[in-house]
Amino acid sequence: MEDSNLLIKYVNVEIHQQELVILKDVNLEVRKGEYIYLIGKVGSGKSSLLKSFYGEVPIFSGQESSIYSYNLQKLKRRQVPFLRRRLGIIYQDFQLLVDRTVHDNLAFVLKATGWKKKTEMEDRIMDVLKQVGMVNKGYKMPHQLSGGEQQRIVIARALLNSPDMILADEPTGHLDAETGTEIVQLLHSIKEQGTTVVMSTHNMAWLEKFPGRVLRFDSEQMVEEK
């Protein structure tokens, strides 16, 4: 991709799960600094599209399917970890390691992605905890945190390697309305600092409070709302 602001480009992409067609004729361009909502019923393909971005769901066919400099249709298994290091992924079910503290959850990711110097790791952990308003929670175990606090730690984890893009799959799905609003507000503030956010959601209220591009999923199709 020659356009340095273009992060993702899909042209006539088709996505399958086993033999089942999930999405077809997907045409999409995602650029730096955008906030994008994926809207649609359960099973309409939102999560499958997000997973295709980081190589968990393969592209069945397409004229073009690129993210950064990677051709997703030719993505090799050994390339997947390097691609994922350039993305921040926020899961609905948190996926925090329950046997270690918040600090050690974050340190585990840094070590796994190649960080070596302890002082640099400590500085980075402090930076992301500050960014999500959790600077005093590093010593806590995940079970000692509320759902909203756990999701903030998940966002901190996603920010560790300063990604150009964050992919958030129903990040408020298990949270009450007030806490959910705080999480979306936090994601919007991250977008304001230049990071692209792509977020799937069922909650239409976010679209008015925190405007962005809207992609609607229905009947194996993805259509952008104008």
Protein backbone atom coordinates (compact mmCIF):
# COMPACT_ATOMS: atom_id res chain seq x y z
CA MET A 1 0.00 0.00 0.00
CA GLU A 2 1.51 3.31 -1.10
CA ASP A 3 -0.77 5.55 0.97
CA SER A 4 1.00 5.72 4.37
CA ASN A 5 -2.29 6.57 6.12
CA LEU A 6 -4.03 3.49 4.72
CA LEU A 7 -3.89 0.66 7.26
CA ILE A 8 -6.36 -1.86 5.78
CA LYS A 9 -7.63 -2.39 2.26
CA TYR A 10 -10.16 -5.07 1.32
CA VAL A 11 -11.44 -5.38 -2.25
CA ASN A 12 -14.20 -7.93 -2.99
CA VAL A 13 -13.17 -10.06 -0.01
CA GLU A 14 -15.06 -13.21 0.99
CA ILE A 15 -14.77 -14.73 4.46
CA HIS A 16 -15.80 -18.29 5.36
CA GLN A 17 -15.95 -20.28 8.61
CA GLN A 18 -15.44 -23.91 7.57
CA GLU A 19 -17.80 -24.25 4.58
CA LEU A 20 -20.14 -21.48 5.68
CA VAL A 21 -20.06 -18.09 3.92
CA ILE A 22 -19.91 -15.39 6.62
CA LEU A 23 -19.27 -12.26 4.51
CA LYS A 24 -18.95 -11.63 0.80
CA ASP A 25 -18.11 -8.64 -1.42
CA VAL A 26 -16.39 -6.81 1.47
CA ASN A 27 -14.87 -3.53 0.30
CA LEU A 28 -13.17 -1.52 3.01
CA GLU A 29 -10.44 1.04 3.55
CA VAL A 30 -9.32 1.92 7.09
CA ARG A 31 -7.05 4.91 7.70
CA LYS A 32 -5.03 6.26 10.60
CA GLY A 33 -6.99 8.09 13.26
CA GLU A 34 -10.45 6.74 12.36
CA TYR A 35 -13.11 5.53 14.79
CA ILE A 36 -15.19 2.79 13.19
CA TYR A 37 -18.24 0.97 14.56
CA LEU A 38 -19.25 -2.51 13.40
CA ILE A 39 -23.01 -2.91 13.92
CA GLY A 40 -25.21 -5.97 13.42
CA LYS A 41 -26.86 -9.00 14.99
CA VAL A 42 -24.94 -11.81 16.65
CA GLY A 43 -23.53 -14.04 13.92
CA SER A 44 -23.64 -11.34 11.24
CA GLY A 45 -19.86 -11.35 10.71
CA LYS A 46 -18.53 -8.53 12.90
CA SER A 47 -16.17 -10.71 14.93
CA SER A 48 -15.14 -12.69 11.84
CA LEU A 49 -14.08 -9.48 10.11
CA LEU A 50 -12.03 -8.40 13.15
CA LYS A 51 -10.43 -11.84 13.39
CA SER A 52 -9.55 -11.74 9.69
CA PHE A 53 -7.47 -8.62 10.36
CA TYR A 54 -5.11 -10.53 12.67
CA GLY A 55 -5.04 -13.84 10.88
CA GLU A 56 -7.34 -15.89 13.09
CA VAL A 57 -10.00 -16.25 10.38
CA PRO A 58 -8.54 -16.80 6.90
CA ILE A 59 -9.60 -14.84 3.83
CA PHE A 60 -11.37 -17.25 1.46
CA SER A 61 -10.96 -15.06 -1.62
CA GLY A 62 -10.52 -11.44 -2.65
CA GLN A 63 -8.97 -9.09 -5.16
CA GLU A 64 -7.01 -7.49 -2.32
CA SER A 65 -6.80 -8.10 1.44
CA SER A 66 -3.94 -6.14 2.98
CA ILE A 67 -3.16 -4.82 6.45
CA TYR A 68 0.00 -2.76 6.86
CA SER A 69 2.39 -4.47 4.43
CA TYR A 70 0.88 -7.94 4.88
CA ASN A 71 -1.12 -9.74 2.20
CA LEU A 72 -3.61 -11.67 4.34
CA GLN A 73 -4.30 -14.26 1.65
CA LYS A 74 -0.61 -15.16 1.62
CA LEU A 75 0.04 -14.69 5.35
CA LYS A 76 2.43 -17.32 6.68
CA ARG A 77 2.03 -18.75 10.18
CA ARG A 78 5.42 -17.37 11.26
CA GLN A 79 4.30 -13.85 10.23
CA VAL A 80 1.19 -13.84 12.43
CA PRO A 81 2.94 -12.89 15.74
CA PHE A 82 4.67 -9.96 14.03
CA LEU A 83 1.37 -8.73 12.59
CA ARG A 84 -0.38 -9.02 15.95
CA ARG A 85 2.34 -6.99 17.69
CA ARG A 86 1.28 -4.04 15.55
CA LEU A 87 -2.34 -4.36 16.68
CA GLY A 88 -4.00 -3.83 20.03
CA ILE A 89 -6.71 -6.47 20.51
CA ILE A 90 -9.45 -6.02 23.14
CA TYR A 91 -11.49 -9.13 23.86
CA GLN A 92 -14.98 -9.10 25.34
CA ASP A 93 -14.06 -11.73 27.94
CA PHE A 94 -10.87 -9.91 29.07
CA GLN A 95 -8.51 -12.94 28.81
CA LEU A 96 -6.36 -11.73 31.70
CA LEU A 97 -4.06 -14.26 33.37
CA VAL A 98 -5.82 -14.94 36.67
CA ASP A 99 -2.76 -16.26 38.51
CA ARG A 100 -0.76 -13.03 38.41
CA THR A 101 -1.13 -9.34 39.21
CA VAL A 102 -2.10 -6.58 36.80
CA HIS A 103 1.55 -5.52 36.61
CA ASP A 104 2.68 -9.07 35.85
CA ASN A 105 -0.02 -9.50 33.20
CA LEU A 106 1.41 -6.48 31.41
CA ALA A 107 5.02 -7.54 31.94
CA PHE A 108 4.20 -10.98 30.49
CA VAL A 109 3.04 -9.35 27.23
CA LEU A 110 6.11 -7.12 27.00
CA LYS A 111 8.46 -10.08 27.50
CA ALA A 112 6.50 -12.13 24.95
CA THR A 113 6.83 -9.35 22.38
CA GLY A 114 10.56 -8.93 22.73
CA TRP A 115 11.13 -6.31 25.43
CA LYS A 116 14.33 -6.98 27.40
CA LYS A 117 15.30 -4.02 29.60
CA LYS A 118 13.53 -4.04 32.96
CA THR A 119 13.61 -0.24 33.38
CA GLU A 120 12.03 0.29 29.95
CA MET A 121 9.38 -2.30 30.73
CA GLU A 122 8.55 -0.68 34.06
CA ASP A 123 8.28 2.75 32.41
CA ARG A 124 5.98 1.40 29.70
CA ILE A 125 3.73 -0.37 32.19
CA MET A 126 3.41 2.85 34.19
CA ASP A 127 2.66 4.83 31.01
CA VAL A 128 -0.23 2.62 29.91
CA LEU A 129 -1.69 2.36 33.41
CA LYS A 130 -1.69 6.17 33.58
CA GLN A 131 -3.35 6.33 30.18
CA VAL A 132 -6.29 4.20 31.35
CA GLY A 133 -6.54 5.71 34.84
CA MET A 134 -5.34 2.60 36.69
CA VAL A 135 -1.94 3.69 37.94
CA ASN A 136 -2.60 2.48 41.51
CA LYS A 137 -3.95 -0.96 40.55
CA GLY A 138 -0.77 -2.70 39.40
CA TYR A 139 -0.50 -4.85 42.52
CA LYS A 140 -4.09 -6.15 42.28
CA MET A 141 -5.10 -9.59 41.04
CA PRO A 142 -7.72 -9.60 38.24
CA HIS A 143 -10.43 -11.06 40.52
CA GLN A 144 -9.99 -8.06 42.85
CA LEU A 145 -11.05 -5.66 40.08
CA SER A 146 -14.53 -4.73 38.88
CA GLY A 147 -15.52 -5.56 35.30
CA GLY A 148 -14.86 -1.99 34.20
CA GLU A 149 -11.44 -2.00 35.86
CA GLN A 150 -10.56 -5.29 34.19
CA GLN A 151 -11.53 -3.87 30.81
CA ARG A 152 -9.31 -0.84 31.45
CA ILE A 153 -6.41 -3.22 32.10
CA VAL A 154 -7.23 -5.03 28.85
CA ILE A 155 -7.07 -1.67 27.05
CA ALA A 156 -3.74 -0.93 28.78
CA ARG A 157 -2.47 -4.29 27.56
CA ALA A 158 -3.59 -3.44 24.03
CA LEU A 159 -1.63 -0.16 24.18
CA LEU A 160 1.68 -1.65 25.37
CA ASN A 161 3.36 -1.79 21.96
CA SER A 162 1.97 1.58 20.77
CA PRO A 163 -0.21 0.09 18.01
CA ASP A 164 -1.48 2.10 15.04
CA MET A 165 -4.82 0.37 15.46
CA ILE A 166 -6.98 -1.11 18.22
CA LEU A 167 -9.56 -3.82 17.47
CA ALA A 168 -12.26 -4.02 20.14
CA ASP A 169 -14.77 -6.90 20.02
CA GLU A 170 -17.86 -5.91 22.05
CA PRO A 171 -15.69 -4.24 24.73
CA THR A 172 -18.75 -3.14 26.75
CA GLY A 173 -20.74 -6.37 26.37
CA HIS A 174 -20.40 -7.44 30.03
CA LEU A 175 -20.52 -3.97 31.58
CA ASP A 176 -23.32 -1.79 32.95
CA ALA A 177 -24.31 1.32 30.99
CA GLU A 178 -22.31 3.82 33.07
CA THR A 179 -19.13 1.73 33.04
CA GLY A 180 -19.60 1.00 29.32
CA THR A 181 -19.81 4.72 28.60
CA GLU A 182 -16.53 5.27 30.47
CA ILE A 183 -14.83 2.55 28.39
CA VAL A 184 -16.05 3.95 25.06
CA GLN A 185 -15.03 7.44 26.19
CA LEU A 186 -11.56 6.08 26.94
CA LEU A 187 -11.34 4.43 23.51
CA HIS A 188 -12.45 7.69 21.90
CA SER A 189 -9.72 9.59 23.77
CA ILE A 190 -7.18 7.06 22.43
CA LYS A 191 -8.49 7.75 18.93
CA GLU A 192 -8.04 11.48 19.53
CA GLN A 193 -4.33 10.77 20.07
CA GLY A 194 -4.10 9.31 16.56
CA THR A 195 -4.76 5.60 17.07
CA THR A 196 -7.38 3.99 14.83
CA VAL A 197 -10.15 2.19 16.74
CA VAL A 198 -12.39 -0.46 15.15
CA MET A 199 -15.11 -1.55 17.57
CA SER A 200 -17.99 -4.00 17.28
CA THR A 201 -21.04 -3.24 19.41
CA HIS A 202 -24.77 -3.82 19.85
CA ASN A 203 -25.22 -0.53 21.69
CA MET A 204 -26.53 2.11 19.29
CA ALA A 205 -26.28 4.84 21.95
CA TRP A 206 -22.50 5.06 21.46
CA LEU A 207 -23.00 6.24 17.87
CA GLU A 208 -24.60 9.49 19.00
CA LYS A 209 -22.38 10.11 22.03
CA PHE A 210 -19.11 9.27 20.28
CA PRO A 211 -19.51 9.72 16.50
CA GLY A 212 -17.56 7.63 13.98
CA ARG A 213 -17.90 5.67 10.76
CA VAL A 214 -20.62 3.01 10.90
CA LEU A 215 -20.40 -0.32 9.07
CA ARG A 216 -23.59 -2.41 9.24
CA PHE A 217 -23.60 -6.19 8.86
CA ASP A 218 -26.60 -8.13 7.55
CA SER A 219 -27.29 -11.07 5.20
CA GLU A 220 -23.59 -11.79 4.56
CA GLN A 221 -23.02 -8.17 3.53
CA MET A 222 -21.18 -5.22 5.08
CA VAL A 223 -22.53 -1.80 4.12
CA GLU A 224 -21.27 1.60 5.25
CA GLU A 225 -23.96 3.95 6.56
CA LYS A 226 -23.71 7.46 5.21
